[in-house]
Amino acid sequence: MHYGQIPSVDVKDVPADAFLLDVREPDEWAAGRAEGALHIPIGEIVARVGEVTERAGDARVHVVCRVGGRSAQVTQFLVAQGVDAVNVDGGMQSWAAAGRPLTADGGDAFVL
């Protein structure tokens, strides 16, 4: 898939109060995630897109995965549905590398 025309944003430009959609798998989510993000694995996004539109309202949806490939696919899907969505370049690896806050299910948070 070609991602050149997918709207994207650098992790440093994601506002602290941004609406984040994490499309990683449950084990990745449990290990480390952005506080307050909505978790919908990529395989469930089509069936659960209503949750995204309901939670986001008119806010821009910042989509993340581990490095940006899965989130680019989801961003493309959401844009096609009329959602204001952007892919976060570099995903959660860039998020962690930039020193953005992480939380986890017990123990130290890290990006799988």
Protein backbone atom coordinates (compact mmCIF):
# COMPACT_ATOMS: atom_id res chain seq x y z
CA MET A 1 0.00 0.00 0.00
CA HIS A 2 1.24 3.49 -0.83
CA TYR A 3 1.04 5.84 2.14
CA GLY A 4 2.20 9.04 0.45
CA GLN A 5 -1.24 10.63 0.38
CA ILE A 6 -2.23 9.65 3.91
CA PRO A 7 -2.56 12.69 6.18
CA SER A 8 0.17 12.44 8.80
CA VAL A 9 1.68 14.35 11.69
CA ASP A 10 5.01 14.20 13.50
CA VAL A 11 4.75 12.87 17.06
CA LYS A 12 6.09 16.14 18.48
CA ASP A 13 3.17 17.98 16.87
CA VAL A 14 0.47 15.84 18.51
CA PRO A 15 -1.26 18.03 21.13
CA ALA A 16 -1.15 16.78 24.72
CA ASP A 17 -4.96 16.61 24.77
CA ALA A 18 -5.28 14.98 21.34
CA PHE A 19 -7.75 12.18 20.66
CA LEU A 20 -5.57 9.10 20.11
CA LEU A 21 -6.70 5.86 18.50
CA ASP A 22 -4.30 2.95 19.11
CA VAL A 23 -4.82 0.14 16.58
CA ARG A 24 -2.18 -2.27 17.94
CA GLU A 25 -2.87 -5.76 19.23
CA PRO A 26 -3.85 -6.35 22.89
CA ASP A 27 -0.36 -7.51 23.98
CA GLU A 28 1.21 -4.38 22.49
CA TRP A 29 -1.41 -2.19 24.18
CA ALA A 30 -0.89 -3.86 27.58
CA ALA A 31 2.90 -3.36 27.44
CA GLY A 32 2.79 0.40 26.88
CA ARG A 33 0.38 3.00 25.55
CA ALA A 34 -0.44 6.68 25.60
CA GLU A 35 -2.63 7.65 28.55
CA GLY A 36 -6.25 8.14 27.54
CA ALA A 37 -5.96 6.54 24.09
CA LEU A 38 -8.87 4.53 22.68
CA HIS A 39 -7.81 0.96 21.86
CA ILE A 40 -9.36 -0.76 18.86
CA PRO A 41 -7.14 -3.38 17.18
CA ILE A 42 -6.88 -2.96 13.41
CA GLY A 43 -8.87 -6.15 12.78
CA GLU A 44 -11.86 -4.69 14.65
CA ILE A 45 -11.87 -1.15 13.27
CA VAL A 46 -14.49 -1.68 10.55
CA ALA A 47 -16.98 -3.19 13.01
CA ARG A 48 -16.21 -0.61 15.71
CA VAL A 49 -15.84 2.60 13.69
CA GLY A 50 -18.91 4.01 15.44
CA GLU A 51 -16.95 4.06 18.71
CA VAL A 52 -14.34 6.26 17.06
CA THR A 53 -16.82 8.76 15.66
CA GLU A 54 -18.81 8.81 18.91
CA ARG A 55 -15.77 9.36 21.13
CA ALA A 56 -13.99 11.80 18.82
CA GLY A 57 -16.96 13.98 17.90
CA ASP A 58 -15.52 16.78 15.77
CA ALA A 59 -11.99 16.30 17.11
CA ARG A 60 -9.13 15.17 14.89
CA VAL A 61 -8.30 11.48 15.36
CA HIS A 62 -4.56 10.78 15.73
CA VAL A 63 -4.02 7.13 14.77
CA VAL A 64 -1.06 5.15 16.15
CA CYS A 65 0.37 1.65 15.92
CA ARG A 66 3.93 0.45 16.60
CA VAL A 67 5.74 2.08 13.65
CA GLY A 68 3.02 3.56 11.40
CA GLY A 69 2.00 0.94 8.83
CA ARG A 70 -1.22 -0.32 10.40
CA SER A 71 -2.21 3.14 11.52
CA ALA A 72 -1.74 4.45 7.96
CA GLN A 73 -4.24 1.85 6.73
CA VAL A 74 -6.73 2.80 9.45
CA THR A 75 -6.22 6.52 8.77
CA GLN A 76 -7.00 5.92 5.09
CA PHE A 77 -10.17 4.03 6.05
CA LEU A 78 -11.31 6.72 8.51
CA VAL A 79 -10.70 9.54 6.03
CA ALA A 80 -12.81 7.63 3.49
CA GLN A 81 -15.60 7.58 6.13
CA GLY A 82 -15.40 11.38 6.45
CA VAL A 83 -13.42 11.39 9.72
CA ASP A 84 -10.72 14.02 10.29
CA ALA A 85 -7.92 11.51 10.90
CA VAL A 86 -4.12 11.68 10.72
CA ASN A 87 -1.45 9.01 10.98
CA VAL A 88 1.17 9.60 13.68
CA ASP A 89 4.51 9.16 11.89
CA GLY A 90 6.68 6.49 13.48
CA GLY A 91 3.87 5.29 15.75
CA MET A 92 4.41 4.42 19.39
CA GLN A 93 8.13 3.81 18.85
CA SER A 94 8.51 7.49 17.93
CA TRP A 95 6.14 8.44 20.76
CA ALA A 96 8.38 6.71 23.32
CA ALA A 97 11.61 7.98 21.70
CA ALA A 98 10.27 11.55 21.92
CA GLY A 99 9.75 11.11 25.66
CA ARG A 100 5.95 11.30 25.42
CA PRO A 101 4.25 9.70 28.46
CA LEU A 102 3.44 5.98 28.51
CA THR A 103 1.35 3.86 30.83
CA ALA A 104 1.00 0.07 31.09
CA ASP A 105 -0.92 -2.74 32.75
CA GLY A 106 1.38 -3.03 35.78
CA GLY A 107 5.16 -2.65 35.73
CA ASP A 108 7.21 -0.42 33.50
CA ALA A 109 5.68 0.75 30.23
CA PHE A 110 7.50 -0.01 26.97
CA VAL A 111 6.64 -0.33 23.29
CA LEU A 112 6.56 -3.88 21.92
